[in-house]
Amino acid sequence: MAISRKFVDSEGVNWQVYQIAPADGGYDGDGDHDGWLYFFSRGVTRSLAPFPDDWSRMDWPGLERLCRSARPPVVRESVVAARIANGA
């Protein structure tokens, strides 16, 4: 089961964050040995890797700092190729 947290940032925006593990439980080829954190709110998504081991125990300001340092998720080549193949 994925670890998740909810928090409200200093602007009053509700966020949810999940720890995502690589599909095979190992190295995913991008340096994300332990997976990444996936933040989402109101149609905005961000991901962060690497991330602190204690993220799930952080207070809301700590989670907001992580969220602000996260970036939009990278679309992997295989996903792009599948979209092109499907005419998307």
N, C-alpha and C. Protein backbone atom coordinates (compact mmCIF):
# COMPACT_ATOMS: atom_id res chain seq x y z
N MET A 1 0.84 -1.18 0.00
CA MET A 1 0.00 0.00 0.00
C MET A 1 0.88 1.25 0.00
N ALA A 2 0.55 2.20 -0.84
CA ALA A 2 1.33 3.43 -0.96
C ALA A 2 1.09 4.33 0.26
N ILE A 3 2.17 4.97 0.67
CA ILE A 3 2.06 5.95 1.76
C ILE A 3 1.55 7.24 1.15
N SER A 4 0.59 7.88 1.80
CA SER A 4 0.07 9.16 1.29
C SER A 4 -0.20 10.11 2.44
N ARG A 5 -0.22 11.39 2.10
CA ARG A 5 -0.53 12.44 3.06
C ARG A 5 -1.35 13.50 2.36
N LYS A 6 -2.13 14.22 3.12
CA LYS A 6 -2.85 15.39 2.64
C LYS A 6 -2.37 16.58 3.44
N PHE A 7 -2.31 17.75 2.79
CA PHE A 7 -1.94 18.97 3.50
C PHE A 7 -2.52 20.17 2.77
N VAL A 8 -2.57 21.29 3.46
CA VAL A 8 -3.03 22.55 2.90
C VAL A 8 -1.84 23.50 2.92
N ASP A 9 -1.52 24.09 1.77
CA ASP A 9 -0.36 24.98 1.72
C ASP A 9 -0.71 26.37 2.25
N SER A 10 0.27 27.25 2.27
CA SER A 10 0.09 28.58 2.86
C SER A 10 -0.87 29.46 2.07
N GLU A 11 -1.23 29.06 0.84
CA GLU A 11 -2.20 29.79 0.03
C GLU A 11 -3.59 29.19 0.12
N GLY A 12 -3.75 28.17 0.98
CA GLY A 12 -5.05 27.53 1.17
C GLY A 12 -5.39 26.45 0.16
N VAL A 13 -4.40 26.02 -0.61
CA VAL A 13 -4.62 24.99 -1.62
C VAL A 13 -4.45 23.61 -0.97
N ASN A 14 -5.42 22.73 -1.21
CA ASN A 14 -5.35 21.35 -0.70
C ASN A 14 -4.51 20.51 -1.64
N TRP A 15 -3.58 19.76 -1.07
CA TRP A 15 -2.69 18.89 -1.82
C TRP A 15 -2.78 17.47 -1.27
N GLN A 16 -2.50 16.51 -2.13
CA GLN A 16 -2.32 15.13 -1.70
C GLN A 16 -0.98 14.69 -2.27
N VAL A 17 -0.23 13.93 -1.48
CA VAL A 17 1.08 13.45 -1.92
C VAL A 17 1.18 11.95 -1.66
N TYR A 18 1.71 11.23 -2.65
CA TYR A 18 1.91 9.78 -2.56
C TYR A 18 3.38 9.47 -2.79
N GLN A 19 3.85 8.44 -2.12
CA GLN A 19 5.17 7.89 -2.42
C GLN A 19 4.96 6.80 -3.46
N ILE A 20 5.60 6.96 -4.61
CA ILE A 20 5.47 6.01 -5.70
C ILE A 20 6.76 5.21 -5.80
N ALA A 21 6.64 3.89 -5.82
CA ALA A 21 7.80 3.02 -5.93
C ALA A 21 7.98 2.62 -7.39
N PRO A 22 9.23 2.38 -7.82
CA PRO A 22 9.43 1.86 -9.18
C PRO A 22 8.63 0.57 -9.37
N ALA A 23 8.17 0.32 -10.58
CA ALA A 23 7.28 -0.82 -10.87
C ALA A 23 7.84 -2.15 -10.41
N ASP A 24 9.15 -2.35 -10.56
CA ASP A 24 9.72 -3.64 -10.19
C ASP A 24 10.35 -3.62 -8.80
N GLY A 25 10.18 -2.52 -8.10
CA GLY A 25 10.72 -2.42 -6.76
C GLY A 25 12.21 -2.13 -6.73
N GLY A 26 12.80 -1.86 -7.89
CA GLY A 26 14.24 -1.61 -7.95
C GLY A 26 14.54 -0.33 -8.68
N TYR A 27 15.64 -0.33 -9.35
CA TYR A 27 16.12 0.84 -10.07
C TYR A 27 15.30 1.05 -11.33
N ASP A 28 14.84 2.29 -11.56
CA ASP A 28 14.00 2.53 -12.74
C ASP A 28 14.74 3.15 -13.91
N GLY A 29 16.07 3.32 -13.78
CA GLY A 29 16.86 3.84 -14.89
C GLY A 29 17.04 5.34 -14.87
N ASP A 30 16.30 6.06 -14.06
CA ASP A 30 16.40 7.52 -14.00
C ASP A 30 17.04 8.00 -12.71
N GLY A 31 17.59 7.12 -11.93
CA GLY A 31 18.21 7.52 -10.68
C GLY A 31 17.25 7.52 -9.51
N ASP A 32 16.03 7.12 -9.74
CA ASP A 32 15.02 7.12 -8.69
C ASP A 32 14.96 5.75 -8.01
N HIS A 33 16.04 5.41 -7.30
CA HIS A 33 16.13 4.10 -6.66
C HIS A 33 14.96 3.83 -5.72
N ASP A 34 14.54 4.84 -4.98
CA ASP A 34 13.48 4.67 -3.99
C ASP A 34 12.15 5.20 -4.49
N GLY A 35 12.03 5.46 -5.77
CA GLY A 35 10.80 6.01 -6.31
C GLY A 35 10.79 7.52 -6.22
N TRP A 36 9.60 8.08 -6.10
CA TRP A 36 9.46 9.52 -6.06
C TRP A 36 8.19 9.88 -5.31
N LEU A 37 8.08 11.16 -4.98
CA LEU A 37 6.85 11.68 -4.39
C LEU A 37 6.03 12.31 -5.51
N TYR A 38 4.74 12.03 -5.49
CA TYR A 38 3.82 12.55 -6.50
C TYR A 38 2.81 13.44 -5.78
N PHE A 39 2.82 14.73 -6.11
CA PHE A 39 1.91 15.72 -5.52
C PHE A 39 0.83 16.06 -6.54
N PHE A 40 -0.42 16.20 -6.08
CA PHE A 40 -1.44 16.70 -7.00
C PHE A 40 -2.49 17.52 -6.27
N SER A 41 -3.01 18.51 -7.03
CA SER A 41 -4.04 19.40 -6.54
C SER A 41 -4.62 20.18 -7.70
N ARG A 42 -5.94 20.26 -7.78
CA ARG A 42 -6.62 21.10 -8.78
C ARG A 42 -6.02 20.97 -10.18
N GLY A 43 -5.76 19.77 -10.62
CA GLY A 43 -5.23 19.56 -11.95
C GLY A 43 -3.74 19.82 -12.09
N VAL A 44 -3.05 20.13 -11.01
CA VAL A 44 -1.61 20.36 -11.03
C VAL A 44 -0.93 19.13 -10.46
N THR A 45 0.08 18.64 -11.16
CA THR A 45 0.84 17.51 -10.65
C THR A 45 2.32 17.87 -10.63
N ARG A 46 3.01 17.32 -9.65
CA ARG A 46 4.45 17.53 -9.50
C ARG A 46 5.07 16.26 -8.97
N SER A 47 6.34 16.05 -9.28
CA SER A 47 7.04 14.89 -8.73
C SER A 47 8.40 15.32 -8.20
N LEU A 48 8.87 14.57 -7.22
CA LEU A 48 10.13 14.90 -6.55
C LEU A 48 10.92 13.63 -6.29
N ALA A 49 12.15 13.61 -6.77
CA ALA A 49 13.09 12.52 -6.47
C ALA A 49 14.50 13.10 -6.55
N PRO A 50 15.35 12.74 -5.66
CA PRO A 50 15.09 11.97 -4.45
C PRO A 50 14.31 12.81 -3.44
N PHE A 51 13.90 12.17 -2.36
CA PHE A 51 13.13 12.85 -1.33
C PHE A 51 13.59 12.36 0.04
N PRO A 52 13.34 13.15 1.10
CA PRO A 52 13.79 12.76 2.44
C PRO A 52 13.03 11.53 2.96
N ASP A 53 13.74 10.69 3.69
CA ASP A 53 13.12 9.49 4.26
C ASP A 53 11.98 9.82 5.22
N ASP A 54 12.06 10.97 5.88
CA ASP A 54 11.07 11.33 6.90
C ASP A 54 9.91 12.17 6.36
N TRP A 55 9.72 12.21 5.05
CA TRP A 55 8.70 13.08 4.47
C TRP A 55 7.31 12.79 5.04
N SER A 56 7.00 11.54 5.34
CA SER A 56 5.65 11.18 5.81
C SER A 56 5.37 11.66 7.23
N ARG A 57 6.41 12.10 7.94
CA ARG A 57 6.24 12.63 9.29
C ARG A 57 6.40 14.14 9.36
N MET A 58 6.61 14.78 8.20
CA MET A 58 6.82 16.23 8.17
C MET A 58 5.53 16.97 8.48
N ASP A 59 5.69 18.17 9.04
CA ASP A 59 4.53 19.04 9.24
C ASP A 59 4.14 19.66 7.89
N TRP A 60 3.01 20.37 7.88
CA TRP A 60 2.52 20.93 6.62
C TRP A 60 3.51 21.88 5.97
N PRO A 61 4.17 22.79 6.72
CA PRO A 61 5.17 23.65 6.06
C PRO A 61 6.31 22.84 5.42
N GLY A 62 6.71 21.75 6.05
CA GLY A 62 7.75 20.90 5.45
C GLY A 62 7.28 20.26 4.16
N LEU A 63 6.04 19.77 4.14
CA LEU A 63 5.48 19.19 2.92
C LEU A 63 5.35 20.25 1.83
N GLU A 64 4.98 21.47 2.22
CA GLU A 64 4.87 22.54 1.23
C GLU A 64 6.24 22.85 0.62
N ARG A 65 7.29 22.86 1.42
CA ARG A 65 8.64 23.10 0.89
C ARG A 65 9.01 22.02 -0.13
N LEU A 66 8.71 20.77 0.19
CA LEU A 66 8.98 19.70 -0.77
C LEU A 66 8.17 19.89 -2.05
N CYS A 67 6.90 20.23 -1.89
CA CYS A 67 6.02 20.42 -3.04
C CYS A 67 6.53 21.55 -3.94
N ARG A 68 6.98 22.62 -3.33
CA ARG A 68 7.48 23.76 -4.12
C ARG A 68 8.77 23.42 -4.86
N SER A 69 9.54 22.47 -4.34
CA SER A 69 10.77 22.08 -5.02
C SER A 69 10.53 20.97 -6.06
N ALA A 70 9.34 20.38 -6.04
CA ALA A 70 8.99 19.34 -7.02
C ALA A 70 8.73 19.98 -8.38
N ARG A 71 8.84 19.18 -9.42
CA ARG A 71 8.66 19.63 -10.80
C ARG A 71 7.55 18.84 -11.48
N PRO A 72 7.01 19.39 -12.59
CA PRO A 72 6.02 18.61 -13.34
C PRO A 72 6.61 17.25 -13.70
N PRO A 73 5.82 16.19 -13.65
CA PRO A 73 6.35 14.86 -13.95
C PRO A 73 6.88 14.77 -15.37
N VAL A 74 7.93 13.98 -15.55
CA VAL A 74 8.52 13.77 -16.86
C VAL A 74 7.70 12.72 -17.59
N VAL A 75 7.35 13.01 -18.83
CA VAL A 75 6.65 12.04 -19.66
C VAL A 75 7.71 11.18 -20.31
N ARG A 76 7.69 9.92 -20.01
CA ARG A 76 8.71 9.00 -20.53
C ARG A 76 8.48 8.72 -22.02
N GLU A 77 9.56 8.41 -22.73
CA GLU A 77 9.47 8.15 -24.17
C GLU A 77 8.45 7.08 -24.51
N SER A 78 8.36 6.03 -23.70
CA SER A 78 7.41 4.95 -24.00
C SER A 78 5.97 5.45 -23.96
N VAL A 79 5.68 6.39 -23.07
CA VAL A 79 4.34 6.96 -22.98
C VAL A 79 4.06 7.81 -24.21
N VAL A 80 5.04 8.62 -24.61
CA VAL A 80 4.87 9.46 -25.80
C VAL A 80 4.68 8.59 -27.04
N ALA A 81 5.49 7.54 -27.18
CA ALA A 81 5.38 6.65 -28.34
C ALA A 81 3.99 5.99 -28.36
N ALA A 82 3.48 5.57 -27.22
CA ALA A 82 2.15 4.95 -27.17
C ALA A 82 1.08 5.94 -27.58
N ARG A 83 1.20 7.19 -27.16
CA ARG A 83 0.22 8.22 -27.54
C ARG A 83 0.25 8.46 -29.02
N ILE A 84 1.45 8.52 -29.61
CA ILE A 84 1.57 8.74 -31.04
C ILE A 84 0.97 7.55 -31.81
N ALA A 85 1.27 6.35 -31.34
CA ALA A 85 0.75 5.15 -31.99
C ALA A 85 -0.78 5.10 -31.94
N ASN A 86 -1.34 5.64 -30.88
CA ASN A 86 -2.80 5.62 -30.72
C ASN A 86 -3.45 6.85 -31.33
N GLY A 87 -2.67 7.70 -31.98
CA GLY A 87 -3.22 8.87 -32.65
C GLY A 87 -3.58 10.00 -31.71
N ALA A 88 -3.03 10.01 -30.50
CA ALA A 88 -3.34 11.07 -29.53
C ALA A 88 -2.42 12.24 -29.70
